[in-house]
Amino acid sequence: SGSILRVNVMGWYRQTPGKERELVATVNSGGNTNYADSVKGRFTISS
């Protein structure tokens, strides 16, 4: 929310102690999705 003209990408990252924040999944305004290999087939992102 806020003064948004367009949303180009939304998604999720995750982080555990001692590790870098890593991409989980994203979806862009065209509906294209991107998943980490570790979650493919198990997680689904949508908007």
PDB file of all heavy atoms in Angstrom:
ATOM      1  N   SER A   1       0.837  -1.186   0.000  1.00  0.00           N
ATOM      2  CA  SER A   1       0.000   0.000   0.000  1.00  0.00           C
ATOM      3  C   SER A   1       0.876   1.241   0.000  1.00  0.00           C
ATOM      4  O   SER A   1       2.066   1.173   0.310  1.00  0.00           O
ATOM      5  CB  SER A   1      -0.946   0.017   1.201  1.00  0.00           C
ATOM      6  OG  SER A   1      -0.221   0.049   2.424  1.00  0.00           O
ATOM      7  N   GLY A   2       0.273   2.368  -0.326  1.00  0.00           N
ATOM      8  CA  GLY A   2       0.990   3.624  -0.395  1.00  0.00           C
ATOM      9  C   GLY A   2       0.790   4.293  -1.739  1.00  0.00           C
ATOM     10  O   GLY A   2      -0.113   3.949  -2.501  1.00  0.00           O
ATOM     11  N   SER A   3       1.652   5.246  -2.031  1.00  0.00           N
ATOM     12  CA  SER A   3       1.557   6.003  -3.278  1.00  0.00           C
ATOM     13  C   SER A   3       2.237   5.230  -4.397  1.00  0.00           C
ATOM     14  O   SER A   3       3.350   5.553  -4.828  1.00  0.00           O
ATOM     15  CB  SER A   3       2.175   7.382  -3.106  1.00  0.00           C
ATOM     16  OG  SER A   3       1.504   8.129  -2.104  1.00  0.00           O
ATOM     17  N   ILE A   4       1.550   4.220  -4.883  1.00  0.00           N
ATOM     18  CA  ILE A   4       2.105   3.301  -5.876  1.00  0.00           C
ATOM     19  C   ILE A   4       1.463   3.553  -7.233  1.00  0.00           C
ATOM     20  O   ILE A   4       0.241   3.513  -7.363  1.00  0.00           O
ATOM     21  CB  ILE A   4       1.893   1.840  -5.449  1.00  0.00           C
ATOM     22  CG1 ILE A   4       2.600   1.564  -4.121  1.00  0.00           C
ATOM     23  CG2 ILE A   4       2.385   0.896  -6.535  1.00  0.00           C
ATOM     24  CD1 ILE A   4       2.266   0.220  -3.520  1.00  0.00           C
ATOM     25  N   LEU A   5       2.297   3.780  -8.216  1.00  0.00           N
ATOM     26  CA  LEU A   5       1.819   3.890  -9.582  1.00  0.00           C
ATOM     27  C   LEU A   5       1.703   2.521 -10.239  1.00  0.00           C
ATOM     28  O   LEU A   5       0.716   2.236 -10.907  1.00  0.00           O
ATOM     29  CB  LEU A   5       2.744   4.788 -10.400  1.00  0.00           C
ATOM     30  CG  LEU A   5       2.813   6.265  -9.998  1.00  0.00           C
ATOM     31  CD1 LEU A   5       3.875   6.979 -10.824  1.00  0.00           C
ATOM     32  CD2 LEU A   5       1.463   6.931 -10.183  1.00  0.00           C
ATOM     33  N   ARG A   6       2.726   1.692 -10.058  1.00  0.00           N
ATOM     34  CA  ARG A   6       2.750   0.363 -10.646  1.00  0.00           C
ATOM     35  C   ARG A   6       3.523  -0.565  -9.732  1.00  0.00           C
ATOM     36  O   ARG A   6       4.474  -0.160  -9.073  1.00  0.00           O
ATOM     37  CB  ARG A   6       3.421   0.358 -12.031  1.00  0.00           C
ATOM     38  CG  ARG A   6       2.690   1.135 -13.091  1.00  0.00           C
ATOM     39  CD  ARG A   6       3.379   0.987 -14.445  1.00  0.00           C
ATOM     40  NE  ARG A   6       4.758   1.479 -14.426  1.00  0.00           N
ATOM     41  CZ  ARG A   6       5.101   2.741 -14.545  1.00  0.00           C
ATOM     42  NH1 ARG A   6       4.167   3.678 -14.684  1.00  0.00           N
ATOM     43  NH2 ARG A   6       6.386   3.092 -14.526  1.00  0.00           N
ATOM     44  N   VAL A   7       3.112  -1.820  -9.708  1.00  0.00           N
ATOM     45  CA  VAL A   7       3.848  -2.871  -9.026  1.00  0.00           C
ATOM     46  C   VAL A   7       4.482  -3.744 -10.104  1.00  0.00           C
ATOM     47  O   VAL A   7       3.773  -4.378 -10.882  1.00  0.00           O
ATOM     48  CB  VAL A   7       2.938  -3.707  -8.119  1.00  0.00           C
ATOM     49  CG1 VAL A   7       3.734  -4.823  -7.456  1.00  0.00           C
ATOM     50  CG2 VAL A   7       2.269  -2.827  -7.072  1.00  0.00           C
ATOM     51  N   ASN A   8       5.791  -3.762 -10.145  1.00  0.00           N
ATOM     52  CA  ASN A   8       6.487  -4.515 -11.175  1.00  0.00           C
ATOM     53  C   ASN A   8       6.784  -5.956 -10.754  1.00  0.00           C
ATOM     54  O   ASN A   8       6.717  -6.868 -11.572  1.00  0.00           O
ATOM     55  CB  ASN A   8       7.784  -3.820 -11.571  1.00  0.00           C
ATOM     56  CG  ASN A   8       7.534  -2.534 -12.323  1.00  0.00           C
ATOM     57  OD1 ASN A   8       6.482  -2.335 -12.921  1.00  0.00           O
ATOM     58  ND2 ASN A   8       8.518  -1.642 -12.299  1.00  0.00           N
ATOM     59  N   VAL A   9       7.134  -6.141  -9.495  1.00  0.00           N
ATOM     60  CA  VAL A   9       7.479  -7.459  -8.975  1.00  0.00           C
ATOM     61  C   VAL A   9       7.017  -7.553  -7.534  1.00  0.00           C
ATOM     62  O   VAL A   9       7.153  -6.600  -6.771  1.00  0.00           O
ATOM     63  CB  VAL A   9       8.995  -7.734  -9.029  1.00  0.00           C
ATOM     64  CG1 VAL A   9       9.308  -9.138  -8.509  1.00  0.00           C
ATOM     65  CG2 VAL A   9       9.549  -7.555 -10.427  1.00  0.00           C
ATOM     66  N   MET A  10       6.485  -8.705  -7.150  1.00  0.00           N
ATOM     67  CA  MET A  10       6.295  -9.031  -5.747  1.00  0.00           C
ATOM     68  C   MET A  10       6.786 -10.455  -5.516  1.00  0.00           C
ATOM     69  O   MET A  10       6.801 -11.272  -6.439  1.00  0.00           O
ATOM     70  CB  MET A  10       4.841  -8.898  -5.306  1.00  0.00           C
ATOM     71  CG  MET A  10       4.338  -7.467  -5.272  1.00  0.00           C
ATOM     72  SD  MET A  10       2.782  -7.278  -4.341  1.00  0.00           S
ATOM     73  CE  MET A  10       3.401  -7.400  -2.645  1.00  0.00           C
ATOM     74  N   GLY A  11       7.184 -10.722  -4.290  1.00  0.00           N
ATOM     75  CA  GLY A  11       7.664 -12.060  -4.002  1.00  0.00           C
ATOM     76  C   GLY A  11       8.056 -12.250  -2.568  1.00  0.00           C
ATOM     77  O   GLY A  11       7.694 -11.456  -1.691  1.00  0.00           O
ATOM     78  N   TRP A  12       8.804 -13.319  -2.348  1.00  0.00           N
ATOM     79  CA  TRP A  12       9.197 -13.724  -1.012  1.00  0.00           C
ATOM     80  C   TRP A  12      10.656 -14.136  -0.986  1.00  0.00           C
ATOM     81  O   TRP A  12      11.133 -14.831  -1.890  1.00  0.00           O
ATOM     82  CB  TRP A  12       8.345 -14.902  -0.523  1.00  0.00           C
ATOM     83  CG  TRP A  12       6.900 -14.566  -0.390  1.00  0.00           C
ATOM     84  CD1 TRP A  12       5.934 -14.708  -1.337  1.00  0.00           C
ATOM     85  CD2 TRP A  12       6.257 -14.023   0.764  1.00  0.00           C
ATOM     86  NE1 TRP A  12       4.728 -14.288  -0.845  1.00  0.00           N
ATOM     87  CE2 TRP A  12       4.888 -13.863   0.434  1.00  0.00           C
ATOM     88  CE3 TRP A  12       6.699 -13.665   2.031  1.00  0.00           C
ATOM     89  CZ2 TRP A  12       3.971 -13.350   1.344  1.00  0.00           C
ATOM     90  CZ3 TRP A  12       5.776 -13.157   2.935  1.00  0.00           C
ATOM     91  CH2 TRP A  12       4.435 -13.011   2.584  1.00  0.00           C
ATOM     92  N   TYR A  13      11.350 -13.697   0.050  1.00  0.00           N
ATOM     93  CA  TYR A  13      12.680 -14.159   0.391  1.00  0.00           C
ATOM     94  C   TYR A  13      12.622 -14.757   1.787  1.00  0.00           C
ATOM     95  O   TYR A  13      11.682 -14.519   2.540  1.00  0.00           O
ATOM     96  CB  TYR A  13      13.696 -13.018   0.353  1.00  0.00           C
ATOM     97  CG  TYR A  13      14.084 -12.566  -1.040  1.00  0.00           C
ATOM     98  CD1 TYR A  13      13.171 -11.937  -1.873  1.00  0.00           C
ATOM     99  CD2 TYR A  13      15.381 -12.762  -1.513  1.00  0.00           C
ATOM    100  CE1 TYR A  13      13.524 -11.517  -3.142  1.00  0.00           C
ATOM    101  CE2 TYR A  13      15.745 -12.342  -2.776  1.00  0.00           C
ATOM    102  CZ  TYR A  13      14.811 -11.718  -3.586  1.00  0.00           C
ATOM    103  OH  TYR A  13      15.188 -11.298  -4.843  1.00  0.00           O
ATOM    104  N   ARG A  14      13.640 -15.519   2.151  1.00  0.00           N
ATOM    105  CA  ARG A  14      13.691 -16.072   3.492  1.00  0.00           C
ATOM    106  C   ARG A  14      15.119 -16.053   4.011  1.00  0.00           C
ATOM    107  O   ARG A  14      16.080 -16.034   3.239  1.00  0.00           O
ATOM    108  CB  ARG A  14      13.125 -17.492   3.546  1.00  0.00           C
ATOM    109  CG  ARG A  14      13.929 -18.538   2.788  1.00  0.00           C
ATOM    110  CD  ARG A  14      13.172 -19.865   2.763  1.00  0.00           C
ATOM    111  NE  ARG A  14      13.929 -20.909   2.082  1.00  0.00           N
ATOM    112  CZ  ARG A  14      13.456 -22.114   1.802  1.00  0.00           C
ATOM    113  NH1 ARG A  14      12.214 -22.446   2.159  1.00  0.00           N
ATOM    114  NH2 ARG A  14      14.220 -23.002   1.179  1.00  0.00           N
ATOM    115  N   GLN A  15      15.245 -16.070   5.349  1.00  0.00           N
ATOM    116  CA  GLN A  15      16.550 -15.983   5.971  1.00  0.00           C
ATOM    117  C   GLN A  15      16.554 -16.744   7.290  1.00  0.00           C
ATOM    118  O   GLN A  15      15.612 -16.652   8.073  1.00  0.00           O
ATOM    119  CB  GLN A  15      16.931 -14.523   6.215  1.00  0.00           C
ATOM    120  CG  GLN A  15      18.353 -14.318   6.697  1.00  0.00           C
ATOM    121  CD  GLN A  15      18.744 -12.853   6.673  1.00  0.00           C
ATOM    122  OE1 GLN A  15      17.896 -11.975   6.787  1.00  0.00           O
ATOM    123  NE2 GLN A  15      20.028 -12.591   6.519  1.00  0.00           N
ATOM    124  N   THR A  16      17.631 -17.495   7.517  1.00  0.00           N
ATOM    125  CA  THR A  16      17.869 -18.165   8.782  1.00  0.00           C
ATOM    126  C   THR A  16      19.150 -17.616   9.383  1.00  0.00           C
ATOM    127  O   THR A  16      20.005 -17.075   8.655  1.00  0.00           O
ATOM    128  CB  THR A  16      17.977 -19.686   8.610  1.00  0.00           C
ATOM    129  OG1 THR A  16      19.018 -19.991   7.669  1.00  0.00           O
ATOM    130  CG2 THR A  16      16.670 -20.269   8.101  1.00  0.00           C
ATOM    131  N   PRO A  17      19.336 -17.731  10.706  1.00  0.00           N
ATOM    132  CA  PRO A  17      20.550 -17.197  11.325  1.00  0.00           C
ATOM    133  C   PRO A  17      21.818 -17.758  10.696  1.00  0.00           C
ATOM    134  O   PRO A  17      21.934 -18.968  10.475  1.00  0.00           O
ATOM    135  CB  PRO A  17      20.421 -17.627  12.783  1.00  0.00           C
ATOM    136  CG  PRO A  17      18.950 -17.732  13.003  1.00  0.00           C
ATOM    137  CD  PRO A  17      18.397 -18.263  11.711  1.00  0.00           C
ATOM    138  N   GLY A  18      22.754 -16.877  10.392  1.00  0.00           N
ATOM    139  CA  GLY A  18      24.018 -17.284   9.816  1.00  0.00           C
ATOM    140  C   GLY A  18      24.005 -17.488   8.319  1.00  0.00           C
ATOM    141  O   GLY A  18      25.042 -17.843   7.745  1.00  0.00           O
ATOM    142  N   LYS A  19      22.871 -17.291   7.686  1.00  0.00           N
ATOM    143  CA  LYS A  19      22.771 -17.468   6.249  1.00  0.00           C
ATOM    144  C   LYS A  19      22.332 -16.166   5.590  1.00  0.00           C
ATOM    145  O   LYS A  19      21.699 -15.314   6.206  1.00  0.00           O
ATOM    146  CB  LYS A  19      21.768 -18.568   5.894  1.00  0.00           C
ATOM    147  CG  LYS A  19      22.162 -19.962   6.324  1.00  0.00           C
ATOM    148  CD  LYS A  19      21.118 -20.981   5.907  1.00  0.00           C
ATOM    149  CE  LYS A  19      20.937 -21.026   4.402  1.00  0.00           C
ATOM    150  NZ  LYS A  19      19.914 -22.032   3.985  1.00  0.00           N
ATOM    151  N   GLU A  20      22.675 -16.035   4.317  1.00  0.00           N
ATOM    152  CA  GLU A  20      22.210 -14.898   3.541  1.00  0.00           C
ATOM    153  C   GLU A  20      20.726 -15.036   3.247  1.00  0.00           C
ATOM    154  O   GLU A  20      20.192 -16.141   3.167  1.00  0.00           O
ATOM    155  CB  GLU A  20      22.979 -14.799   2.223  1.00  0.00           C
ATOM    156  CG  GLU A  20      24.445 -14.484   2.356  1.00  0.00           C
ATOM    157  CD  GLU A  20      25.122 -14.332   1.009  1.00  0.00           C
ATOM    158  OE1 GLU A  20      24.496 -14.654  -0.016  1.00  0.00           O
ATOM    159  OE2 GLU A  20      26.270 -13.885   0.981  1.00  0.00           O
ATOM    160  N   ARG A  21      20.085 -13.901   3.088  1.00  0.00           N
ATOM    161  CA  ARG A  21      18.711 -13.918   2.649  1.00  0.00           C
ATOM    162  C   ARG A  21      18.655 -14.476   1.226  1.00  0.00           C
ATOM    163  O   ARG A  21      19.421 -14.051   0.354  1.00  0.00           O
ATOM    164  CB  ARG A  21      18.123 -12.512   2.700  1.00  0.00           C
ATOM    165  CG  ARG A  21      16.639 -12.440   2.424  1.00  0.00           C
ATOM    166  CD  ARG A  21      16.089 -11.031   2.644  1.00  0.00           C
ATOM    167  NE  ARG A  21      16.250 -10.602   4.030  1.00  0.00           N
ATOM    168  CZ  ARG A  21      15.799  -9.442   4.505  1.00  0.00           C
ATOM    169  NH1 ARG A  21      15.162  -8.601   3.700  1.00  0.00           N
ATOM    170  NH2 ARG A  21      16.001  -9.133   5.780  1.00  0.00           N
ATOM    171  N   GLU A  22      17.750 -15.412   0.992  1.00  0.00           N
ATOM    172  CA  GLU A  22      17.675 -16.073  -0.293  1.00  0.00           C
ATOM    173  C   GLU A  22      16.298 -15.926  -0.910  1.00  0.00           C
ATOM    174  O   GLU A  22      15.283 -15.872  -0.213  1.00  0.00           O
ATOM    175  CB  GLU A  22      18.023 -17.563  -0.170  1.00  0.00           C
ATOM    176  CG  GLU A  22      17.041 -18.364   0.656  1.00  0.00           C
ATOM    177  CD  GLU A  22      17.344 -19.849   0.656  1.00  0.00           C
ATOM    178  OE1 GLU A  22      18.276 -20.279  -0.049  1.00  0.00           O
ATOM    179  OE2 GLU A  22      16.637 -20.588   1.379  1.00  0.00           O
ATOM    180  N   LEU A  23      16.287 -15.888  -2.217  1.00  0.00           N
ATOM    181  CA  LEU A  23      15.031 -15.817  -2.944  1.00  0.00           C
ATOM    182  C   LEU A  23      14.255 -17.111  -2.783  1.00  0.00           C
ATOM    183  O   LEU A  23      14.814 -18.203  -2.882  1.00  0.00           O
ATOM    184  CB  LEU A  23      15.297 -15.544  -4.426  1.00  0.00           C
ATOM    185  CG  LEU A  23      14.083 -15.414  -5.340  1.00  0.00           C
ATOM    186  CD1 LEU A  23      14.357 -14.396  -6.438  1.00  0.00           C
ATOM    187  CD2 LEU A  23      13.733 -16.765  -5.976  1.00  0.00           C
ATOM    188  N   VAL A  24      12.950 -16.988  -2.545  1.00  0.00           N
ATOM    189  CA  VAL A  24      12.045 -18.133  -2.531  1.00  0.00           C
ATOM    190  C   VAL A  24      11.255 -18.177  -3.827  1.00  0.00           C
ATOM    191  O   VAL A  24      11.283 -19.167  -4.552  1.00  0.00           O
ATOM    192  CB  VAL A  24      11.098 -18.093  -1.325  1.00  0.00           C
ATOM    193  CG1 VAL A  24      10.140 -19.274  -1.356  1.00  0.00           C
ATOM    194  CG2 VAL A  24      11.887 -18.083  -0.022  1.00  0.00           C
ATOM    195  N   ALA A  25      10.546 -17.099  -4.115  1.00  0.00           N
ATOM    196  CA  ALA A  25       9.737 -17.038  -5.329  1.00  0.00           C
ATOM    197  C   ALA A  25       9.360 -15.599  -5.613  1.00  0.00           C
ATOM    198  O   ALA A  25       9.192 -14.797  -4.693  1.00  0.00           O
ATOM    199  CB  ALA A  25       8.471 -17.889  -5.194  1.00  0.00           C
ATOM    200  N   THR A  26       9.216 -15.276  -6.885  1.00  0.00           N
ATOM    201  CA  THR A  26       8.739 -13.965  -7.300  1.00  0.00           C
ATOM    202  C   THR A  26       7.749 -14.116  -8.442  1.00  0.00           C
ATOM    203  O   THR A  26       7.749 -15.113  -9.157  1.00  0.00           O
ATOM    204  CB  THR A  26       9.878 -13.038  -7.767  1.00  0.00           C
ATOM    205  OG1 THR A  26      10.545 -13.614  -8.893  1.00  0.00           O
ATOM    206  CG2 THR A  26      10.878 -12.785  -6.650  1.00  0.00           C
ATOM    207  N   VAL A  27       6.916 -13.103  -8.609  1.00  0.00           N
ATOM    208  CA  VAL A  27       6.024 -13.010  -9.751  1.00  0.00           C
ATOM    209  C   VAL A  27       6.046 -11.569 -10.232  1.00  0.00           C
ATOM    210  O   VAL A  27       6.002 -10.634  -9.424  1.00  0.00           O
ATOM    211  CB  VAL A  27       4.593 -13.482  -9.397  1.00  0.00           C
ATOM    212  CG1 VAL A  27       4.003 -12.682  -8.244  1.00  0.00           C
ATOM    213  CG2 VAL A  27       3.692 -13.426 -10.620  1.00  0.00           C
ATOM    214  N   ASN A  28       6.147 -11.374 -11.544  1.00  0.00           N
ATOM    215  CA  ASN A  28       6.178 -10.018 -12.065  1.00  0.00           C
ATOM    216  C   ASN A  28       4.824  -9.620 -12.648  1.00  0.00           C
ATOM    217  O   ASN A  28       3.874 -10.403 -12.648  1.00  0.00           O
ATOM    218  CB  ASN A  28       7.319  -9.843 -13.077  1.00  0.00           C
ATOM    219  CG  ASN A  28       7.118 -10.614 -14.365  1.00  0.00           C
ATOM    220  OD1 ASN A  28       6.032 -11.105 -14.668  1.00  0.00           O
ATOM    221  ND2 ASN A  28       8.186 -10.714 -15.147  1.00  0.00           N
ATOM    222  N   SER A  29       4.755  -8.384 -13.133  1.00  0.00           N
ATOM    223  CA  SER A  29       3.485  -7.853 -13.614  1.00  0.00           C
ATOM    224  C   SER A  29       2.960  -8.592 -14.833  1.00  0.00           C
ATOM    225  O   SER A  29       1.761  -8.513 -15.128  1.00  0.00           O
ATOM    226  CB  SER A  29       3.623  -6.363 -13.935  1.00  0.00           C
ATOM    227  OG  SER A  29       4.620  -6.144 -14.921  1.00  0.00           O
ATOM    228  N   GLY A  30       3.820  -9.295 -15.541  1.00  0.00           N
ATOM    229  CA  GLY A  30       3.397 -10.111 -16.662  1.00  0.00           C
ATOM    230  C   GLY A  30       2.946 -11.497 -16.279  1.00  0.00           C
ATOM    231  O   GLY A  30       2.570 -12.287 -17.154  1.00  0.00           O
ATOM    232  N   GLY A  31       3.003 -11.826 -14.990  1.00  0.00           N
ATOM    233  CA  GLY A  31       2.595 -13.131 -14.515  1.00  0.00           C
ATOM    234  C   GLY A  31       3.687 -14.179 -14.539  1.00  0.00           C
ATOM    235  O   GLY A  31       3.436 -15.346 -14.220  1.00  0.00           O
ATOM    236  N   ASN A  32       4.893 -13.785 -14.895  1.00  0.00           N
ATOM    237  CA  ASN A  32       6.003 -14.724 -14.913  1.00  0.00           C
ATOM    238  C   ASN A  32       6.487 -15.001 -13.499  1.00  0.00           C
ATOM    239  O   ASN A  32       6.637 -14.081 -12.699  1.00  0.00           O
ATOM    240  CB  ASN A  32       7.152 -14.181 -15.748  1.00  0.00           C
ATOM    241  CG  ASN A  32       6.748 -13.910 -17.180  1.00  0.00           C
ATOM    242  OD1 ASN A  32       6.749 -12.757 -17.625  1.00  0.00           O
ATOM    243  ND2 ASN A  32       6.403 -14.951 -17.904  1.00  0.00           N
ATOM    244  N   THR A  33       6.755 -16.257 -13.204  1.00  0.00           N
ATOM    245  CA  THR A  33       7.185 -16.662 -11.873  1.00  0.00           C
ATOM    246  C   THR A  33       8.602 -17.189 -11.896  1.00  0.00           C
ATOM    247  O   THR A  33       9.102 -17.678 -12.915  1.00  0.00           O
ATOM    248  CB  THR A  33       6.249 -17.724 -11.289  1.00  0.00           C
ATOM    249  OG1 THR A  33       6.218 -18.865 -12.162  1.00  0.00           O
ATOM    250  CG2 THR A  33       4.841 -17.177 -11.135  1.00  0.00           C
ATOM    251  N   ASN A  34       9.237 -17.093 -10.742  1.00  0.00           N
ATOM    252  CA  ASN A  34      10.595 -17.583 -10.559  1.00  0.00           C
ATOM    253  C   ASN A  34      10.668 -18.226  -9.182  1.00  0.00           C
ATOM    254  O   ASN A  34      10.230 -17.633  -8.199  1.00  0.00           O
ATOM    255  CB  ASN A  34      11.594 -16.434 -10.678  1.00  0.00           C
ATOM    256  CG  ASN A  34      13.031 -16.892 -10.586  1.00  0.00           C
ATOM    257  OD1 ASN A  34      13.377 -17.959 -11.067  1.00  0.00           O
ATOM    258  ND2 ASN A  34      13.877 -16.065  -9.982  1.00  0.00           N
ATOM    259  N   TYR A  35      11.223 -19.447  -9.117  1.00  0.00           N
ATOM    260  CA  TYR A  35      11.299 -20.191  -7.873  1.00  0.00           C
ATOM    261  C   TYR A  35      12.718 -20.651  -7.598  1.00  0.00           C
ATOM    262  O   TYR A  35      13.463 -21.001  -8.521  1.00  0.00           O
ATOM    263  CB  TYR A  35      10.414 -21.436  -7.916  1.00  0.00           C
ATOM    264  CG  TYR A  35       8.935 -21.179  -8.020  1.00  0.00           C
ATOM    265  CD1 TYR A  35       8.305 -21.131  -9.254  1.00  0.00           C
ATOM    266  CD2 TYR A  35       8.162 -21.010  -6.877  1.00  0.00           C
ATOM    267  CE1 TYR A  35       6.942 -20.908  -9.352  1.00  0.00           C
ATOM    268  CE2 TYR A  35       6.802 -20.790  -6.961  1.00  0.00           C
ATOM    269  CZ  TYR A  35       6.198 -20.739  -8.202  1.00  0.00           C
ATOM    270  OH  TYR A  35       4.840 -20.524  -8.294  1.00  0.00           O
ATOM    271  N   ALA A  36      13.065 -20.676  -6.322  1.00  0.00           N
ATOM    272  CA  ALA A  36      14.288 -21.345  -5.931  1.00  0.00           C
ATOM    273  C   ALA A  36      14.156 -22.842  -6.198  1.00  0.00           C
ATOM    274  O   ALA A  36      13.070 -23.417  -6.078  1.00  0.00           O
ATOM    275  CB  ALA A  36      14.571 -21.114  -4.449  1.00  0.00           C
ATOM    276  N   ASP A  37      15.267 -23.475  -6.566  1.00  0.00           N
ATOM    277  CA  ASP A  37      15.227 -24.907  -6.847  1.00  0.00           C
ATOM    278  C   ASP A  37      14.704 -25.711  -5.655  1.00  0.00           C
ATOM    279  O   ASP A  37      14.024 -26.726  -5.837  1.00  0.00           O
ATOM    280  CB  ASP A  37      16.615 -25.410  -7.228  1.00  0.00           C
ATOM    281  CG  ASP A  37      17.048 -24.964  -8.607  1.00  0.00           C
ATOM    282  OD1 ASP A  37      16.180 -24.562  -9.412  1.00  0.00           O
ATOM    283  OD2 ASP A  37      18.259 -25.022  -8.891  1.00  0.00           O
ATOM    284  N   SER A  38      14.995 -25.254  -4.459  1.00  0.00           N
ATOM    285  CA  SER A  38      14.629 -25.989  -3.263  1.00  0.00           C
ATOM    286  C   SER A  38      13.124 -26.029  -3.004  1.00  0.00           C
ATOM    287  O   SER A  38      12.663 -26.849  -2.206  1.00  0.00           O
ATOM    288  CB  SER A  38      15.338 -25.407  -2.041  1.00  0.00           C
ATOM    289  OG  SER A  38      14.994 -24.050  -1.854  1.00  0.00           O
ATOM    290  N   VAL A  39      12.360 -25.154  -3.656  1.00  0.00           N
ATOM    291  CA  VAL A  39      10.918 -25.104  -3.412  1.00  0.00           C
ATOM    292  C   VAL A  39      10.098 -25.436  -4.643  1.00  0.00           C
ATOM    293  O   VAL A  39       8.862 -25.510  -4.549  1.00  0.00           O
ATOM    294  CB  VAL A  39      10.481 -23.737  -2.850  1.00  0.00           C
ATOM    295  CG1 VAL A  39      11.312 -23.369  -1.623  1.00  0.00           C
ATOM    296  CG2 VAL A  39      10.576 -22.649  -3.915  1.00  0.00           C
ATOM    297  N   LYS A  40      10.729 -25.629  -5.785  1.00  0.00           N
ATOM    298  CA  LYS A  40       9.991 -25.953  -7.000  1.00  0.00           C
ATOM    299  C   LYS A  40       9.181 -27.225  -6.817  1.00  0.00           C
ATOM    300  O   LYS A  40       9.671 -28.221  -6.294  1.00  0.00           O
ATOM    301  CB  LYS A  40      10.954 -26.111  -8.179  1.00  0.00           C
ATOM    302  CG  LYS A  40      11.523 -24.803  -8.695  1.00  0.00           C
ATOM    303  CD  LYS A  40      12.460 -25.035  -9.872  1.00  0.00           C
ATOM    304  CE  LYS A  40      13.020 -23.732 -10.389  1.00  0.00           C
ATOM    305  NZ  LYS A  40      13.996 -23.934 -11.481  1.00  0.00           N
ATOM    306  N   GLY A  41       7.933 -27.177  -7.250  1.00  0.00           N
ATOM    307  CA  GLY A  41       7.048 -28.312  -7.120  1.00  0.00           C
ATOM    308  C   GLY A  41       6.328 -28.384  -5.797  1.00  0.00           C
ATOM    309  O   GLY A  41       5.383 -29.171  -5.657  1.00  0.00           O
ATOM    310  N   ARG A  42       6.744 -27.582  -4.829  1.00  0.00           N
ATOM    311  CA  ARG A  42       6.113 -27.580  -3.508  1.00  0.00           C
ATOM    312  C   ARG A  42       5.418 -26.252  -3.189  1.00  0.00           C
ATOM    313  O   ARG A  42       4.367 -26.249  -2.552  1.00  0.00           O
ATOM    314  CB  ARG A  42       7.141 -27.879  -2.418  1.00  0.00           C
ATOM    315  CG  ARG A  42       7.813 -29.234  -2.556  1.00  0.00           C
ATOM    316  CD  ARG A  42       8.651 -29.566  -1.332  1.00  0.00           C
ATOM    317  NE  ARG A  42       9.737 -28.598  -1.143  1.00  0.00           N
ATOM    318  CZ  ARG A  42       9.883 -27.819  -0.073  1.00  0.00           C
ATOM    319  NH1 ARG A  42       8.993 -27.892   0.918  1.00  0.00           N
ATOM    320  NH2 ARG A  42      10.898 -26.987   0.025  1.00  0.00           N
ATOM    321  N   PHE A  43       6.018 -25.146  -3.616  1.00  0.00           N
ATOM    322  CA  PHE A  43       5.476 -23.817  -3.337  1.00  0.00           C
ATOM    323  C   PHE A  43       4.875 -23.228  -4.609  1.00  0.00           C
ATOM    324  O   PHE A  43       5.370 -23.472  -5.720  1.00  0.00           O
ATOM    325  CB  PHE A  43       6.567 -22.869  -2.842  1.00  0.00           C
ATOM    326  CG  PHE A  43       7.126 -23.184  -1.480  1.00  0.00           C
ATOM    327  CD1 PHE A  43       6.821 -24.365  -0.814  1.00  0.00           C
ATOM    328  CD2 PHE A  43       7.978 -22.278  -0.863  1.00  0.00           C
ATOM    329  CE1 PHE A  43       7.349 -24.638   0.437  1.00  0.00           C
ATOM    330  CE2 PHE A  43       8.509 -22.540   0.386  1.00  0.00           C
ATOM    331  CZ  PHE A  43       8.204 -23.713   1.033  1.00  0.00           C
ATOM    332  N   THR A  44       3.837 -22.417  -4.440  1.00  0.00           N
ATOM    333  CA  THR A  44       3.213 -21.724  -5.548  1.00  0.00           C
ATOM    334  C   THR A  44       3.009 -20.261  -5.179  1.00  0.00           C
ATOM    335  O   THR A  44       2.422 -19.962  -4.141  1.00  0.00           O
ATOM    336  CB  THR A  44       1.865 -22.347  -5.921  1.00  0.00           C
ATOM    337  OG1 THR A  44       2.047 -23.732  -6.253  1.00  0.00           O
ATOM    338  CG2 THR A  44       1.252 -21.628  -7.122  1.00  0.00           C
ATOM    339  N   ILE A  45       3.488 -19.364  -6.033  1.00  0.00           N
ATOM    340  CA  ILE A  45       3.300 -17.939  -5.816  1.00  0.00           C
ATOM    341  C   ILE A  45       2.223 -17.430  -6.766  1.00  0.00           C
ATOM    342  O   ILE A  45       2.112 -17.886  -7.907  1.00  0.00           O
ATOM    343  CB  ILE A  45       4.619 -17.162  -5.998  1.00  0.00           C
ATOM    344  CG1 ILE A  45       4.470 -15.721  -5.506  1.00  0.00           C
ATOM    345  CG2 ILE A  45       5.110 -17.215  -7.439  1.00  0.00           C
ATOM    346  CD1 ILE A  45       5.794 -14.987  -5.389  1.00  0.00           C
ATOM    347  N   SER A  46       1.430 -16.488  -6.296  1.00  0.00           N
ATOM    348  CA  SER A  46       0.379 -15.900  -7.110  1.00  0.00           C
ATOM    349  C   SER A  46       0.114 -14.484  -6.642  1.00  0.00           C
ATOM    350  O   SER A  46       0.523 -14.093  -5.544  1.00  0.00           O
ATOM    351  CB  SER A  46      -0.905 -16.730  -7.052  1.00  0.00           C
ATOM    352  OG  SER A  46      -1.401 -16.799  -5.729  1.00  0.00           O
ATOM    353  N   SER A  47      -0.569 -13.706  -7.472  1.00  0.00           N
ATOM    354  CA  SER A  47      -0.916 -12.336  -7.129  1.00  0.00           C
ATOM    355  C   SER A  47      -2.322 -12.038  -7.603  1.00  0.00           C
ATOM    356  O   SER A  47      -2.866 -12.736  -8.471  1.00  0.00           O
ATOM    357  CB  SER A  47       0.075 -11.345  -7.735  1.00  0.00           C
ATOM    358  OG  SER A  47       0.079 -11.422  -9.145  1.00  0.00           O
TER     359      SER A  47
END
